[in-house]
Amino acid sequence: MVQAYILVQTEVGKAASVATEIGALPGVVSAEDVTGPYDVIVRAEADDVDELGRLVVARVQSVNGITRTLTCPVVKLG
């Protein structure tokens, strides 16, 4: 199982609708609107890195109102 945080920047005024739409996607554990340099933070999980990539590129990035994403895979260091 691969997990990641996806940091999302949106068009002005679109954070809430983007978070709602992303939150309904399969593989998305949570999607929250936040303040700061990013507008939405998504927690996602997939069986492998390839599936995670498909989730981000084919599903998340196709949501209307997104201007940029940054995917941060979770690592287990201990």
N, C-alpha and C. Protein backbone atom coordinates (compact mmCIF):
# COMPACT_ATOMS: atom_id res chain seq x y z
N MET A 1 0.85 -1.19 0.00
CA MET A 1 0.00 0.00 0.00
C MET A 1 0.89 1.24 0.00
N VAL A 2 0.61 2.15 -0.91
CA VAL A 2 1.32 3.42 -1.00
C VAL A 2 0.36 4.53 -0.58
N GLN A 3 0.86 5.42 0.27
CA GLN A 3 0.05 6.56 0.70
C GLN A 3 0.77 7.84 0.34
N ALA A 4 -0.01 8.91 0.11
CA ALA A 4 0.59 10.19 -0.23
C ALA A 4 -0.32 11.33 0.18
N TYR A 5 0.30 12.47 0.39
CA TYR A 5 -0.43 13.72 0.53
C TYR A 5 -0.30 14.44 -0.80
N ILE A 6 -1.41 14.97 -1.29
CA ILE A 6 -1.40 15.73 -2.54
C ILE A 6 -1.78 17.16 -2.16
N LEU A 7 -0.84 18.08 -2.38
CA LEU A 7 -1.07 19.50 -2.08
C LEU A 7 -1.61 20.15 -3.34
N VAL A 8 -2.72 20.86 -3.22
CA VAL A 8 -3.44 21.37 -4.39
C VAL A 8 -3.59 22.89 -4.30
N GLN A 9 -3.24 23.56 -5.39
CA GLN A 9 -3.55 24.98 -5.53
C GLN A 9 -4.74 25.08 -6.48
N THR A 10 -5.66 26.00 -6.15
CA THR A 10 -6.86 26.16 -6.96
C THR A 10 -7.01 27.60 -7.44
N GLU A 11 -7.93 27.77 -8.36
CA GLU A 11 -8.34 29.12 -8.75
C GLU A 11 -9.01 29.77 -7.54
N VAL A 12 -8.99 31.09 -7.51
CA VAL A 12 -9.60 31.83 -6.40
C VAL A 12 -11.06 31.45 -6.25
N GLY A 13 -11.47 31.12 -5.03
CA GLY A 13 -12.86 30.80 -4.73
C GLY A 13 -13.28 29.38 -5.05
N LYS A 14 -12.35 28.53 -5.47
CA LYS A 14 -12.70 27.16 -5.89
C LYS A 14 -12.31 26.08 -4.88
N ALA A 15 -11.65 26.44 -3.78
CA ALA A 15 -11.12 25.43 -2.86
C ALA A 15 -12.19 24.49 -2.33
N ALA A 16 -13.32 25.00 -1.90
CA ALA A 16 -14.36 24.16 -1.30
C ALA A 16 -14.93 23.17 -2.32
N SER A 17 -15.21 23.64 -3.53
CA SER A 17 -15.78 22.74 -4.53
C SER A 17 -14.74 21.71 -5.00
N VAL A 18 -13.49 22.12 -5.10
CA VAL A 18 -12.42 21.19 -5.49
C VAL A 18 -12.27 20.11 -4.41
N ALA A 19 -12.24 20.50 -3.14
CA ALA A 19 -12.10 19.54 -2.04
C ALA A 19 -13.25 18.54 -2.04
N THR A 20 -14.46 19.02 -2.26
CA THR A 20 -15.63 18.14 -2.29
C THR A 20 -15.54 17.13 -3.43
N GLU A 21 -15.18 17.61 -4.61
CA GLU A 21 -15.11 16.72 -5.77
C GLU A 21 -13.97 15.70 -5.63
N ILE A 22 -12.81 16.15 -5.16
CA ILE A 22 -11.69 15.23 -4.98
C ILE A 22 -12.01 14.22 -3.88
N GLY A 23 -12.68 14.65 -2.83
CA GLY A 23 -13.01 13.77 -1.72
C GLY A 23 -13.88 12.59 -2.11
N ALA A 24 -14.60 12.71 -3.22
CA ALA A 24 -15.48 11.64 -3.69
C ALA A 24 -14.77 10.63 -4.59
N LEU A 25 -13.51 10.89 -4.94
CA LEU A 25 -12.79 9.99 -5.85
C LEU A 25 -12.35 8.72 -5.14
N PRO A 26 -12.41 7.58 -5.82
CA PRO A 26 -11.89 6.34 -5.24
C PRO A 26 -10.38 6.48 -5.00
N GLY A 27 -9.94 6.03 -3.85
CA GLY A 27 -8.53 6.12 -3.48
C GLY A 27 -8.21 7.32 -2.62
N VAL A 28 -9.15 8.27 -2.53
CA VAL A 28 -8.94 9.45 -1.69
C VAL A 28 -9.51 9.17 -0.30
N VAL A 29 -8.65 9.30 0.70
CA VAL A 29 -9.04 9.06 2.09
C VAL A 29 -9.69 10.32 2.66
N SER A 30 -9.10 11.48 2.36
CA SER A 30 -9.66 12.74 2.83
C SER A 30 -9.20 13.88 1.93
N ALA A 31 -9.98 14.94 1.90
CA ALA A 31 -9.64 16.16 1.15
C ALA A 31 -10.16 17.34 1.97
N GLU A 32 -9.24 18.17 2.41
CA GLU A 32 -9.59 19.29 3.30
C GLU A 32 -9.16 20.61 2.69
N ASP A 33 -10.01 21.65 2.78
CA ASP A 33 -9.56 22.98 2.38
C ASP A 33 -8.73 23.54 3.55
N VAL A 34 -7.65 24.21 3.22
CA VAL A 34 -6.73 24.76 4.22
C VAL A 34 -6.34 26.18 3.81
N THR A 35 -5.66 26.88 4.70
CA THR A 35 -5.09 28.18 4.37
C THR A 35 -3.59 28.02 4.18
N GLY A 36 -2.98 28.99 3.53
CA GLY A 36 -1.54 28.94 3.29
C GLY A 36 -1.26 28.87 1.80
N PRO A 37 -0.06 28.41 1.43
CA PRO A 37 0.30 28.40 0.01
C PRO A 37 -0.50 27.41 -0.82
N TYR A 38 -1.09 26.41 -0.18
CA TYR A 38 -1.95 25.45 -0.87
C TYR A 38 -3.37 25.63 -0.37
N ASP A 39 -4.33 25.27 -1.20
CA ASP A 39 -5.74 25.49 -0.88
C ASP A 39 -6.45 24.24 -0.40
N VAL A 40 -5.96 23.07 -0.83
CA VAL A 40 -6.57 21.79 -0.46
C VAL A 40 -5.44 20.80 -0.19
N ILE A 41 -5.58 20.02 0.87
CA ILE A 41 -4.64 18.92 1.13
C ILE A 41 -5.43 17.62 1.07
N VAL A 42 -4.93 16.69 0.25
CA VAL A 42 -5.59 15.41 0.01
C VAL A 42 -4.73 14.30 0.58
N ARG A 43 -5.35 13.34 1.24
CA ARG A 43 -4.67 12.11 1.66
C ARG A 43 -5.19 11.00 0.75
N ALA A 44 -4.29 10.32 0.06
CA ALA A 44 -4.69 9.29 -0.89
C ALA A 44 -3.91 8.01 -0.64
N GLU A 45 -4.48 6.89 -1.09
CA GLU A 45 -3.78 5.62 -0.99
C GLU A 45 -4.07 4.78 -2.22
N ALA A 46 -3.09 3.95 -2.57
CA ALA A 46 -3.20 3.08 -3.75
C ALA A 46 -2.38 1.82 -3.48
N ASP A 47 -2.60 0.81 -4.32
CA ASP A 47 -1.88 -0.44 -4.15
C ASP A 47 -0.40 -0.31 -4.48
N ASP A 48 -0.06 0.55 -5.45
CA ASP A 48 1.34 0.73 -5.83
C ASP A 48 1.55 2.13 -6.39
N VAL A 49 2.80 2.47 -6.68
CA VAL A 49 3.14 3.81 -7.15
C VAL A 49 2.48 4.12 -8.50
N ASP A 50 2.39 3.13 -9.38
CA ASP A 50 1.76 3.36 -10.68
C ASP A 50 0.28 3.72 -10.53
N GLU A 51 -0.40 3.01 -9.65
CA GLU A 51 -1.82 3.32 -9.41
C GLU A 51 -1.98 4.70 -8.80
N LEU A 52 -1.07 5.06 -7.89
CA LEU A 52 -1.10 6.39 -7.29
C LEU A 52 -0.91 7.45 -8.38
N GLY A 53 0.03 7.22 -9.28
CA GLY A 53 0.25 8.16 -10.39
C GLY A 53 -0.97 8.33 -11.25
N ARG A 54 -1.64 7.22 -11.55
CA ARG A 54 -2.87 7.30 -12.35
C ARG A 54 -3.95 8.09 -11.61
N LEU A 55 -4.06 7.88 -10.30
CA LEU A 55 -5.04 8.63 -9.51
C LEU A 55 -4.77 10.13 -9.61
N VAL A 56 -3.52 10.52 -9.45
CA VAL A 56 -3.18 11.95 -9.47
C VAL A 56 -3.37 12.53 -10.86
N VAL A 57 -2.81 11.90 -11.88
CA VAL A 57 -2.82 12.48 -13.23
C VAL A 57 -4.19 12.36 -13.89
N ALA A 58 -4.81 11.19 -13.82
CA ALA A 58 -6.06 10.97 -14.56
C ALA A 58 -7.29 11.48 -13.82
N ARG A 59 -7.25 11.46 -12.50
CA ARG A 59 -8.47 11.82 -11.77
C ARG A 59 -8.34 13.17 -11.06
N VAL A 60 -7.36 13.31 -10.18
CA VAL A 60 -7.26 14.54 -9.38
C VAL A 60 -7.00 15.75 -10.28
N GLN A 61 -6.01 15.67 -11.17
CA GLN A 61 -5.66 16.83 -11.98
C GLN A 61 -6.73 17.19 -13.01
N SER A 62 -7.69 16.32 -13.23
CA SER A 62 -8.76 16.65 -14.18
C SER A 62 -9.92 17.40 -13.52
N VAL A 63 -9.87 17.58 -12.20
CA VAL A 63 -10.93 18.32 -11.50
C VAL A 63 -10.86 19.79 -11.89
N ASN A 64 -12.00 20.35 -12.25
CA ASN A 64 -12.08 21.75 -12.66
C ASN A 64 -11.71 22.68 -11.51
N GLY A 65 -10.85 23.65 -11.79
CA GLY A 65 -10.48 24.65 -10.79
C GLY A 65 -9.09 24.46 -10.21
N ILE A 66 -8.43 23.34 -10.53
CA ILE A 66 -7.08 23.10 -10.02
C ILE A 66 -6.07 23.78 -10.93
N THR A 67 -5.09 24.45 -10.31
CA THR A 67 -4.03 25.08 -11.10
C THR A 67 -2.70 24.35 -10.95
N ARG A 68 -2.47 23.66 -9.82
CA ARG A 68 -1.20 22.97 -9.61
C ARG A 68 -1.35 21.94 -8.51
N THR A 69 -0.61 20.82 -8.63
CA THR A 69 -0.57 19.82 -7.56
C THR A 69 0.88 19.47 -7.24
N LEU A 70 1.10 19.03 -6.01
CA LEU A 70 2.40 18.52 -5.57
C LEU A 70 2.12 17.25 -4.78
N THR A 71 2.65 16.13 -5.24
CA THR A 71 2.40 14.84 -4.58
C THR A 71 3.57 14.51 -3.68
N CYS A 72 3.26 14.20 -2.41
CA CYS A 72 4.27 13.89 -1.39
C CYS A 72 4.01 12.47 -0.86
N PRO A 73 4.72 11.46 -1.39
CA PRO A 73 4.52 10.10 -0.89
C PRO A 73 4.94 9.98 0.59
N VAL A 74 4.20 9.18 1.32
CA VAL A 74 4.53 8.92 2.73
C VAL A 74 5.61 7.86 2.77
N VAL A 75 6.65 8.08 3.56
CA VAL A 75 7.71 7.09 3.73
C VAL A 75 7.76 6.63 5.18
N LYS A 76 8.14 5.40 5.39
CA LYS A 76 8.29 4.85 6.74
C LYS A 76 9.78 4.76 7.01
N LEU A 77 10.31 5.58 7.91
CA LEU A 77 11.74 5.63 8.15
C LEU A 77 12.18 4.80 9.35
N GLY A 78 11.25 4.27 10.08
CA GLY A 78 11.67 3.56 11.28
C GLY A 78 11.14 2.17 11.39
